Amino acid sequence: MRARLVVFPVRGRSWCFGRSLDRSCLDSASSPTPSTLRELYGKMSAGGNASKLELCVDFVSDKMNRAWMGLENAPEGSFKSKMHGLGLKLLARVKPSEMFLKSISKEVSSVEVIYPSSLNTRLVRRRLRHIAKRGSIIHRKYFYGSASLLPITTAFSVLPLPNIPFFWVLFRTYSHWRALQGSEKLLELVSNSSVAWTSPSTSASGKDQEGCESKDGAPNPVGSLWVLLPSEQLEELTSCGKEQDALTKSVITSICETYKLNTNDVLKYRDSM
C-alpha cells in the first residue's frame, strides 16, 4: 500500500508533515479485528509470536476505541460526557508529529511525498529522515516510561471511581508504541536508495506517478519505495497567504481540503512555536 505524504512550511522554519486521508487508509483501517476473547485466542493459536503481539495490541486498541465512542455518545451533562470532555483536553496536548508517525502503519510499502516546488528535494528528504530518526528515539523512551507506570496506576482500581489514570497511561503506551513503529517504518522507506523523481507539471494532478518520466528524462522505477512529487499548486497555496511569516488559517484550511489533511493537526504545527 502506498501512503501519500504532504510536506510544507507552516511558520518560519517549522514544517508540517501529514498523511492524506485517502481511501487506502480507510480500507486498511477496516481490517477484521477479534472482538471477543474467544476470537482472539483462536487467532493467536494460529499465528506466530509477532502476529500474537499485533493481535493483542489491535484487540486492546479496538476495546479502547469502543469505550471512547461510548463516552462520545453519552448524554450531555452526564459523568461519561464530562470524562469525554476531559479526554478531548488531554488529546489536544498530543503533538502532531506523533499523530503523523502513527499514521505510517505496517501495511505501508511505499510513500509519495508532495511538497512545494520551490523546496529543495534533498532538504525534503533530510527533514523526513530527521523526523523519523527523532521519533524513533523519543517514542521509544516514552513508550518504556509509560509502560513502567502501568503497574502503579493499576493501584487506583481500588477506588470506587473509574481508573482514569490507568486508561490514560495505557492509551499513551499504545500511542507511543504505534508512533515508534511508524517512525521505524518511515525511516526504512525514505532511507532506501530507490527513488523516483517527478516534474512539478505532472505532479499537480495528484495521480499515481509510478512509471512516469523523471526530471532528467529517464523513466521512474516502478518499484520505488518513495516518490518525490514537487507541486506547483501547493507552492501557490503556501506562498499566497502569510501573516508574520506564518500561514493563515484560511490557507491552511484550503490546503487541508485539497490534500485531505487534518486541519487541527496542521494548526498545531503552526502554533507549536
C-alpha atoms as a PDB file:
ATOM      1  CA  MET A   1       0.000   0.000   0.000  1.00  0.00           C
ATOM      2  CA  ARG A   2       1.304   3.444  -0.920  1.00  0.00           C
ATOM      3  CA  ALA A   3       0.904   6.339   1.521  1.00  0.00           C
ATOM      4  CA  ARG A   4       0.582   9.911   0.293  1.00  0.00           C
ATOM      5  CA  LEU A   5       2.563  12.354   2.450  1.00  0.00           C
ATOM      6  CA  VAL A   6       2.278  16.149   2.263  1.00  0.00           C
ATOM      7  CA  VAL A   7       5.190  18.312   3.470  1.00  0.00           C
ATOM      8  CA  PHE A   8       5.272  22.127   3.539  1.00  0.00           C
ATOM      9  CA  PRO A   9       6.453  25.022   5.757  1.00  0.00           C
ATOM     10  CA  VAL A  10       3.781  26.478   8.044  1.00  0.00           C
ATOM     11  CA  ARG A  11       5.726  29.041  10.066  1.00  0.00           C
ATOM     12  CA  GLY A  12       9.302  30.119   9.582  1.00  0.00           C
ATOM     13  CA  ARG A  13      11.484  27.027   9.764  1.00  0.00           C
ATOM     14  CA  SER A  14       8.650  24.927  11.194  1.00  0.00           C
ATOM     15  CA  TRP A  15       7.297  22.383   8.704  1.00  0.00           C
ATOM     16  CA  CYS A  16       4.101  20.360   8.600  1.00  0.00           C
ATOM     17  CA  PHE A  17       4.153  16.615   7.936  1.00  0.00           C
ATOM     18  CA  GLY A  18       0.829  14.972   7.196  1.00  0.00           C
ATOM     19  CA  ARG A  19      -0.680  11.945   5.527  1.00  0.00           C
ATOM     20  CA  SER A  20      -3.638  12.280   3.186  1.00  0.00           C
ATOM     21  CA  LEU A  21      -6.762  10.563   4.464  1.00  0.00           C
ATOM     22  CA  ASP A  22      -7.277   8.688   1.202  1.00  0.00           C
ATOM     23  CA  ARG A  23      -9.359   5.594   0.520  1.00  0.00           C
ATOM     24  CA  SER A  24      -6.427   3.252   1.125  1.00  0.00           C
ATOM     25  CA  CYS A  25      -6.163   4.489   4.725  1.00  0.00           C
ATOM     26  CA  LEU A  26      -9.819   3.708   5.326  1.00  0.00           C
ATOM     27  CA  ASP A  27      -9.547   0.310   3.710  1.00  0.00           C
ATOM     28  CA  SER A  28      -6.519  -0.665   5.804  1.00  0.00           C
ATOM     29  CA  ALA A  29      -8.219   0.545   8.986  1.00  0.00           C
ATOM     30  CA  SER A  30     -11.213  -1.705   8.285  1.00  0.00           C
ATOM     31  CA  SER A  31      -9.221  -4.972   8.627  1.00  0.00           C
ATOM     32  CA  PRO A  32     -11.019  -7.576  10.779  1.00  0.00           C
ATOM     33  CA  THR A  33     -10.100  -7.402  14.476  1.00  0.00           C
ATOM     34  CA  PRO A  34     -11.178 -10.016  17.054  1.00  0.00           C
ATOM     35  CA  SER A  35     -13.971  -8.598  19.183  1.00  0.00           C
ATOM     36  CA  THR A  36     -14.112 -11.316  21.855  1.00  0.00           C
ATOM     37  CA  LEU A  37     -11.537 -13.204  23.909  1.00  0.00           C
ATOM     38  CA  ARG A  38     -12.542 -16.443  22.220  1.00  0.00           C
ATOM     39  CA  GLU A  39     -11.874 -14.996  18.749  1.00  0.00           C
ATOM     40  CA  LEU A  40      -8.587 -13.541  19.995  1.00  0.00           C
ATOM     41  CA  TYR A  41      -7.484 -16.901  21.372  1.00  0.00           C
ATOM     42  CA  GLY A  42      -8.420 -18.645  18.130  1.00  0.00           C
ATOM     43  CA  LYS A  43      -6.372 -16.261  16.003  1.00  0.00           C
ATOM     44  CA  MET A  44      -3.430 -16.264  18.410  1.00  0.00           C
ATOM     45  CA  SER A  45      -3.225 -20.055  18.383  1.00  0.00           C
ATOM     46  CA  ALA A  46      -2.815 -19.997  14.591  1.00  0.00           C
ATOM     47  CA  GLY A  47      -0.152 -17.259  14.380  1.00  0.00           C
ATOM     48  CA  GLY A  48       3.491 -16.720  15.295  1.00  0.00           C
ATOM     49  CA  ASN A  49       4.900 -14.704  18.178  1.00  0.00           C
ATOM     50  CA  ALA A  50       4.995 -11.450  16.190  1.00  0.00           C
ATOM     51  CA  SER A  51       1.407 -11.839  14.979  1.00  0.00           C
ATOM     52  CA  LYS A  52       0.258 -12.675  18.523  1.00  0.00           C
ATOM     53  CA  LEU A  53       1.623  -9.375  19.793  1.00  0.00           C
ATOM     54  CA  GLU A  54      -0.046  -7.498  16.930  1.00  0.00           C
ATOM     55  CA  LEU A  55      -3.370  -9.234  17.630  1.00  0.00           C
ATOM     56  CA  CYS A  56      -3.204  -8.336  21.316  1.00  0.00           C
ATOM     57  CA  VAL A  57      -2.427  -4.701  20.534  1.00  0.00           C
ATOM     58  CA  ASP A  58      -5.216  -4.500  17.940  1.00  0.00           C
ATOM     59  CA  PHE A  59      -7.646  -6.145  20.373  1.00  0.00           C
ATOM     60  CA  VAL A  60      -6.865  -3.653  23.146  1.00  0.00           C
ATOM     61  CA  SER A  61      -6.991  -0.774  20.666  1.00  0.00           C
ATOM     62  CA  ASP A  62     -10.420  -1.879  19.443  1.00  0.00           C
ATOM     63  CA  LYS A  63     -11.700  -2.049  23.027  1.00  0.00           C
ATOM     64  CA  MET A  64     -10.376   1.449  23.769  1.00  0.00           C
ATOM     65  CA  ASN A  65     -11.993   2.831  20.603  1.00  0.00           C
ATOM     66  CA  ARG A  66     -15.335   1.283  21.514  1.00  0.00           C
ATOM     67  CA  ALA A  67     -15.119   2.682  25.040  1.00  0.00           C
ATOM     68  CA  TRP A  68     -14.251   6.126  23.654  1.00  0.00           C
ATOM     69  CA  MET A  69     -17.251   6.005  21.298  1.00  0.00           C
ATOM     70  CA  GLY A  70     -19.440   5.149  24.272  1.00  0.00           C
ATOM     71  CA  LEU A  71     -18.214   8.243  26.108  1.00  0.00           C
ATOM     72  CA  GLU A  72     -18.722  10.362  22.991  1.00  0.00           C
ATOM     73  CA  ASN A  73     -22.361   9.266  22.653  1.00  0.00           C
ATOM     74  CA  ALA A  74     -23.157   9.759  26.347  1.00  0.00           C
ATOM     75  CA  PRO A  75     -25.912  12.261  27.259  1.00  0.00           C
ATOM     76  CA  GLU A  76     -24.703  15.808  27.759  1.00  0.00           C
ATOM     77  CA  GLY A  77     -24.040  16.668  31.385  1.00  0.00           C
ATOM     78  CA  SER A  78     -23.568  13.072  32.473  1.00  0.00           C
ATOM     79  CA  PHE A  79     -20.408  11.773  34.136  1.00  0.00           C
ATOM     80  CA  LYS A  80     -19.373   9.954  30.947  1.00  0.00           C
ATOM     81  CA  SER A  81     -19.832  13.153  28.951  1.00  0.00           C
ATOM     82  CA  LYS A  82     -17.570  15.010  31.381  1.00  0.00           C
ATOM     83  CA  MET A  83     -14.970  12.252  31.036  1.00  0.00           C
ATOM     84  CA  HIS A  84     -15.151  12.658  27.259  1.00  0.00           C
ATOM     85  CA  GLY A  85     -14.537  16.398  27.602  1.00  0.00           C
ATOM     86  CA  LEU A  86     -11.536  15.733  29.829  1.00  0.00           C
ATOM     87  CA  GLY A  87     -10.231  13.250  27.264  1.00  0.00           C
ATOM     88  CA  LEU A  88     -10.520  15.823  24.485  1.00  0.00           C
ATOM     89  CA  LYS A  89      -8.469  18.291  26.514  1.00  0.00           C
ATOM     90  CA  LEU A  90      -5.788  15.670  27.097  1.00  0.00           C
ATOM     91  CA  LEU A  91      -5.754  14.660  23.416  1.00  0.00           C
ATOM     92  CA  ALA A  92      -5.295  18.305  22.415  1.00  0.00           C
ATOM     93  CA  ARG A  93      -1.893  18.158  24.115  1.00  0.00           C
ATOM     94  CA  VAL A  94      -0.657  15.318  21.888  1.00  0.00           C
ATOM     95  CA  LYS A  95       1.941  16.594  19.418  1.00  0.00           C
ATOM     96  CA  PRO A  96       1.012  16.491  15.705  1.00  0.00           C
ATOM     97  CA  SER A  97       4.273  14.725  14.837  1.00  0.00           C
ATOM     98  CA  GLU A  98       3.094  11.782  16.944  1.00  0.00           C
ATOM     99  CA  MET A  99      -0.179  11.640  15.016  1.00  0.00           C
ATOM    100  CA  PHE A 100       1.759  11.720  11.747  1.00  0.00           C
ATOM    101  CA  LEU A 101       4.070   8.876  12.727  1.00  0.00           C
ATOM    102  CA  LYS A 102       1.135   6.807  13.970  1.00  0.00           C
ATOM    103  CA  SER A 103      -0.448   7.089  10.521  1.00  0.00           C
ATOM    104  CA  ILE A 104       2.503   5.192   8.955  1.00  0.00           C
ATOM    105  CA  SER A 105       1.181   1.699   9.549  1.00  0.00           C
ATOM    106  CA  LYS A 106       2.882  -1.622   8.900  1.00  0.00           C
ATOM    107  CA  GLU A 107       0.817  -2.040   5.711  1.00  0.00           C
ATOM    108  CA  VAL A 108       2.589   0.905   4.039  1.00  0.00           C
ATOM    109  CA  SER A 109       5.042  -0.427   1.448  1.00  0.00           C
ATOM    110  CA  SER A 110       5.891   2.860  -0.317  1.00  0.00           C
ATOM    111  CA  VAL A 111       5.314   6.598   0.025  1.00  0.00           C
ATOM    112  CA  GLU A 112       4.865   9.517  -2.326  1.00  0.00           C
ATOM    113  CA  VAL A 113       5.921  12.878  -0.937  1.00  0.00           C
ATOM    114  CA  ILE A 114       4.152  16.035  -2.146  1.00  0.00           C
ATOM    115  CA  TYR A 115       5.875  19.337  -1.352  1.00  0.00           C
ATOM    116  CA  PRO A 116       6.059  22.915  -2.734  1.00  0.00           C
ATOM    117  CA  SER A 117       8.098  23.059  -5.927  1.00  0.00           C
ATOM    118  CA  SER A 118      10.384  25.786  -4.514  1.00  0.00           C
ATOM    119  CA  LEU A 119      11.781  23.476  -1.829  1.00  0.00           C
ATOM    120  CA  ASN A 120      14.998  21.586  -2.377  1.00  0.00           C
ATOM    121  CA  THR A 121      14.317  17.881  -2.811  1.00  0.00           C
ATOM    122  CA  ARG A 122      17.310  16.853  -0.709  1.00  0.00           C
ATOM    123  CA  LEU A 123      16.120  19.121   2.103  1.00  0.00           C
ATOM    124  CA  VAL A 124      12.673  17.492   1.991  1.00  0.00           C
ATOM    125  CA  ARG A 125      14.193  14.028   2.238  1.00  0.00           C
ATOM    126  CA  ARG A 126      16.528  15.171   5.034  1.00  0.00           C
ATOM    127  CA  ARG A 127      13.584  16.577   7.004  1.00  0.00           C
ATOM    128  CA  LEU A 128      11.659  13.310   6.632  1.00  0.00           C
ATOM    129  CA  ARG A 129      14.645  11.297   7.799  1.00  0.00           C
ATOM    130  CA  HIS A 130      15.101  13.680  10.740  1.00  0.00           C
ATOM    131  CA  ILE A 131      11.509  13.387  11.962  1.00  0.00           C
ATOM    132  CA  ALA A 132      11.697   9.591  11.582  1.00  0.00           C
ATOM    133  CA  LYS A 133      15.004   9.296  13.490  1.00  0.00           C
ATOM    134  CA  ARG A 134      13.919  11.735  16.178  1.00  0.00           C
ATOM    135  CA  GLY A 135      10.577   9.942  16.539  1.00  0.00           C
ATOM    136  CA  SER A 136      12.222   6.559  16.988  1.00  0.00           C
ATOM    137  CA  ILE A 137      14.359   7.920  19.846  1.00  0.00           C
ATOM    138  CA  ILE A 138      11.668   9.952  21.605  1.00  0.00           C
ATOM    139  CA  HIS A 139       8.804   7.482  21.362  1.00  0.00           C
ATOM    140  CA  ARG A 140      10.957   4.532  22.400  1.00  0.00           C
ATOM    141  CA  LYS A 141      11.890   6.439  25.561  1.00  0.00           C
ATOM    142  CA  TYR A 142       8.298   7.486  26.297  1.00  0.00           C
ATOM    143  CA  PHE A 143       6.970   4.027  25.489  1.00  0.00           C
ATOM    144  CA  TYR A 144       9.136   2.409  28.166  1.00  0.00           C
ATOM    145  CA  GLY A 145       8.345   5.251  30.552  1.00  0.00           C
ATOM    146  CA  SER A 146       4.578   4.912  30.067  1.00  0.00           C
ATOM    147  CA  ALA A 147       4.728   1.117  30.315  1.00  0.00           C
ATOM    148  CA  SER A 148       6.571   1.381  33.635  1.00  0.00           C
ATOM    149  CA  LEU A 149       3.715   3.491  35.042  1.00  0.00           C
ATOM    150  CA  LEU A 150       1.025   0.909  34.265  1.00  0.00           C
ATOM    151  CA  PRO A 151       1.577  -1.177  37.449  1.00  0.00           C
ATOM    152  CA  ILE A 152       1.468   1.993  39.556  1.00  0.00           C
ATOM    153  CA  THR A 153      -1.777   3.300  38.066  1.00  0.00           C
ATOM    154  CA  THR A 154      -3.351  -0.154  38.468  1.00  0.00           C
ATOM    155  CA  ALA A 155      -3.408   0.500  42.214  1.00  0.00           C
ATOM    156  CA  PHE A 156      -6.084   3.184  41.652  1.00  0.00           C
ATOM    157  CA  SER A 157      -8.557   0.434  40.730  1.00  0.00           C
ATOM    158  CA  VAL A 158      -9.388   0.003  44.445  1.00  0.00           C
ATOM    159  CA  LEU A 159     -11.170   3.368  44.351  1.00  0.00           C
ATOM    160  CA  PRO A 160     -14.926   3.403  43.588  1.00  0.00           C
ATOM    161  CA  LEU A 161     -14.357   5.767  40.646  1.00  0.00           C
ATOM    162  CA  PRO A 162     -13.247   4.791  37.105  1.00  0.00           C
ATOM    163  CA  ASN A 163      -9.481   4.333  36.919  1.00  0.00           C
ATOM    164  CA  ILE A 164      -8.870   7.266  34.586  1.00  0.00           C
ATOM    165  CA  PRO A 165      -5.071   7.435  35.216  1.00  0.00           C
ATOM    166  CA  PHE A 166      -4.669   3.771  34.222  1.00  0.00           C
ATOM    167  CA  PHE A 167      -6.617   4.117  30.983  1.00  0.00           C
ATOM    168  CA  TRP A 168      -4.780   7.319  30.067  1.00  0.00           C
ATOM    169  CA  VAL A 169      -1.365   5.753  30.690  1.00  0.00           C
ATOM    170  CA  LEU A 170      -2.491   2.662  28.758  1.00  0.00           C
ATOM    171  CA  PHE A 171      -3.516   4.835  25.832  1.00  0.00           C
ATOM    172  CA  ARG A 172      -0.226   6.767  25.918  1.00  0.00           C
ATOM    173  CA  THR A 173       1.713   3.493  26.000  1.00  0.00           C
ATOM    174  CA  TYR A 174      -0.165   2.251  22.952  1.00  0.00           C
ATOM    175  CA  SER A 175       0.179   5.610  21.183  1.00  0.00           C
ATOM    176  CA  HIS A 176       3.942   5.803  21.718  1.00  0.00           C
ATOM    177  CA  TRP A 177       4.316   2.202  20.562  1.00  0.00           C
ATOM    178  CA  ARG A 178       2.449   2.911  17.327  1.00  0.00           C
ATOM    179  CA  ALA A 179       4.449   6.115  16.769  1.00  0.00           C
ATOM    180  CA  LEU A 180       7.659   4.145  17.332  1.00  0.00           C
ATOM    181  CA  GLN A 181       6.599   1.541  14.771  1.00  0.00           C
ATOM    182  CA  GLY A 182       5.657   4.294  12.315  1.00  0.00           C
ATOM    183  CA  SER A 183       8.943   6.153  12.714  1.00  0.00           C
ATOM    184  CA  GLU A 184      10.942   2.983  12.107  1.00  0.00           C
ATOM    185  CA  LYS A 185       8.825   2.157   9.055  1.00  0.00           C
ATOM    186  CA  LEU A 186       9.196   5.670   7.626  1.00  0.00           C
ATOM    187  CA  LEU A 187      12.948   5.650   8.216  1.00  0.00           C
ATOM    188  CA  GLU A 188      13.180   2.320   6.413  1.00  0.00           C
ATOM    189  CA  LEU A 189      11.256   3.675   3.410  1.00  0.00           C
ATOM    190  CA  VAL A 190      12.995   7.043   2.968  1.00  0.00           C
ATOM    191  CA  SER A 191      16.444   5.562   3.565  1.00  0.00           C
ATOM    192  CA  ASN A 192      16.090   3.298   0.556  1.00  0.00           C
ATOM    193  CA  SER A 193      18.195   4.423  -2.419  1.00  0.00           C
ATOM    194  CA  SER A 194      15.452   3.643  -4.951  1.00  0.00           C
ATOM    195  CA  VAL A 195      13.662   6.958  -5.510  1.00  0.00           C
ATOM    196  CA  ALA A 196      11.505   8.281  -8.331  1.00  0.00           C
ATOM    197  CA  TRP A 197      11.546  11.942  -9.320  1.00  0.00           C
ATOM    198  CA  THR A 198       8.590  13.709 -10.890  1.00  0.00           C
ATOM    199  CA  SER A 199       8.422  17.119 -12.527  1.00  0.00           C
ATOM    200  CA  PRO A 200       6.114  19.775 -10.990  1.00  0.00           C
ATOM    201  CA  SER A 201       3.874  19.897 -14.042  1.00  0.00           C
ATOM    202  CA  THR A 202       2.986  16.214 -13.848  1.00  0.00           C
ATOM    203  CA  SER A 203       2.663  16.047 -10.081  1.00  0.00           C
ATOM    204  CA  ALA A 204      -0.022  18.738  -9.825  1.00  0.00           C
ATOM    205  CA  SER A 205      -2.744  16.352 -10.926  1.00  0.00           C
ATOM    206  CA  GLY A 206      -2.272  14.238  -7.785  1.00  0.00           C
ATOM    207  CA  LYS A 207      -2.453  10.951  -9.712  1.00  0.00           C
ATOM    208  CA  ASP A 208      -0.309   7.894  -9.153  1.00  0.00           C
ATOM    209  CA  GLN A 209       3.088   8.692 -10.654  1.00  0.00           C
ATOM    210  CA  GLU A 210       4.610   5.242 -10.919  1.00  0.00           C
ATOM    211  CA  GLY A 211       6.253   4.706 -14.309  1.00  0.00           C
ATOM    212  CA  CYS A 212       6.308   8.398 -15.357  1.00  0.00           C
ATOM    213  CA  GLU A 213       9.402  10.240 -16.505  1.00  0.00           C
ATOM    214  CA  SER A 214      11.869  11.793 -14.085  1.00  0.00           C
ATOM    215  CA  LYS A 215      13.467  15.220 -14.188  1.00  0.00           C
ATOM    216  CA  ASP A 216      16.358  14.017 -16.276  1.00  0.00           C
ATOM    217  CA  GLY A 217      14.042  12.327 -18.767  1.00  0.00           C
ATOM    218  CA  ALA A 218      14.610   8.774 -17.572  1.00  0.00           C
ATOM    219  CA  PRO A 219      11.582   6.674 -16.560  1.00  0.00           C
ATOM    220  CA  ASN A 220      10.920   6.325 -12.866  1.00  0.00           C
ATOM    221  CA  PRO A 221      11.474   2.873 -11.384  1.00  0.00           C
ATOM    222  CA  VAL A 222       8.066   1.290 -10.873  1.00  0.00           C
ATOM    223  CA  GLY A 223       9.189  -0.417  -7.660  1.00  0.00           C
ATOM    224  CA  SER A 224      10.412   2.754  -5.928  1.00  0.00           C
ATOM    225  CA  LEU A 225       9.750   2.806  -2.206  1.00  0.00           C
ATOM    226  CA  TRP A 226       9.378   6.583  -2.199  1.00  0.00           C
ATOM    227  CA  VAL A 227       8.490   9.111  -4.895  1.00  0.00           C
ATOM    228  CA  LEU A 228       9.138  12.862  -4.760  1.00  0.00           C
ATOM    229  CA  LEU A 229       6.314  14.992  -6.203  1.00  0.00           C
ATOM    230  CA  PRO A 230       7.053  18.762  -6.315  1.00  0.00           C
ATOM    231  CA  SER A 231       3.699  20.544  -6.659  1.00  0.00           C
ATOM    232  CA  GLU A 232       3.098  23.958  -8.211  1.00  0.00           C
ATOM    233  CA  GLN A 233      -0.389  24.042  -6.689  1.00  0.00           C
ATOM    234  CA  LEU A 234       0.951  23.562  -3.170  1.00  0.00           C
ATOM    235  CA  GLU A 235       3.610  26.188  -3.892  1.00  0.00           C
ATOM    236  CA  GLU A 236       0.921  28.725  -4.802  1.00  0.00           C
ATOM    237  CA  LEU A 237      -1.135  27.936  -1.707  1.00  0.00           C
ATOM    238  CA  THR A 238       1.781  28.247   0.709  1.00  0.00           C
ATOM    239  CA  SER A 239       3.123  31.465  -0.819  1.00  0.00           C
ATOM    240  CA  CYS A 240      -0.119  33.469  -1.166  1.00  0.00           C
ATOM    241  CA  GLY A 241      -1.394  33.688   2.403  1.00  0.00           C
ATOM    242  CA  LYS A 242       1.079  34.530   5.177  1.00  0.00           C
ATOM    243  CA  GLU A 243       0.885  36.736   8.251  1.00  0.00           C
ATOM    244  CA  GLN A 244       4.061  37.320  10.271  1.00  0.00           C
ATOM    245  CA  ASP A 245       5.853  34.537   8.380  1.00  0.00           C
ATOM    246  CA  ALA A 246       3.068  32.033   9.186  1.00  0.00           C
ATOM    247  CA  LEU A 247       0.288  30.587   7.049  1.00  0.00           C
ATOM    248  CA  THR A 248      -3.176  31.940   7.818  1.00  0.00           C
ATOM    249  CA  LYS A 249      -5.972  29.680   8.993  1.00  0.00           C
ATOM    250  CA  SER A 250      -7.900  30.121   5.744  1.00  0.00           C
ATOM    251  CA  VAL A 251      -4.889  28.997   3.681  1.00  0.00           C
ATOM    252  CA  ILE A 252      -4.322  26.017   5.966  1.00  0.00           C
ATOM    253  CA  THR A 253      -7.994  25.078   5.577  1.00  0.00           C
ATOM    254  CA  SER A 254      -7.674  25.229   1.791  1.00  0.00           C
ATOM    255  CA  ILE A 255      -4.554  23.039   1.852  1.00  0.00           C
ATOM    256  CA  CYS A 256      -6.254  20.512   4.131  1.00  0.00           C
ATOM    257  CA  GLU A 257      -9.314  20.332   1.884  1.00  0.00           C
ATOM    258  CA  THR A 258      -7.165  19.925  -1.237  1.00  0.00           C
ATOM    259  CA  TYR A 259      -4.871  17.233   0.144  1.00  0.00           C
ATOM    260  CA  LYS A 260      -7.260  15.673   2.709  1.00  0.00           C
ATOM    261  CA  LEU A 261      -5.287  16.558   5.837  1.00  0.00           C
ATOM    262  CA  ASN A 262      -6.447  17.006   9.426  1.00  0.00           C
ATOM    263  CA  THR A 263      -6.850  20.758   9.966  1.00  0.00           C
ATOM    264  CA  ASN A 264      -6.326  20.632  13.741  1.00  0.00           C
ATOM    265  CA  ASP A 265      -3.024  18.789  13.362  1.00  0.00           C
ATOM    266  CA  VAL A 266      -1.738  21.314  10.807  1.00  0.00           C
ATOM    267  CA  LEU A 267      -2.728  24.201  13.078  1.00  0.00           C
ATOM    268  CA  LYS A 268      -0.803  22.518  15.903  1.00  0.00           C
ATOM    269  CA  TYR A 269       2.305  22.511  13.712  1.00  0.00           C
ATOM    270  CA  ARG A 270       1.876  26.249  13.098  1.00  0.00           C
ATOM    271  CA  ASP A 271       1.160  27.188  16.720  1.00  0.00           C
ATOM    272  CA  SER A 272       3.714  24.893  18.360  1.00  0.00           C
ATOM    273  CA  MET A 273       6.498  27.513  18.200  1.00  0.00           C
END
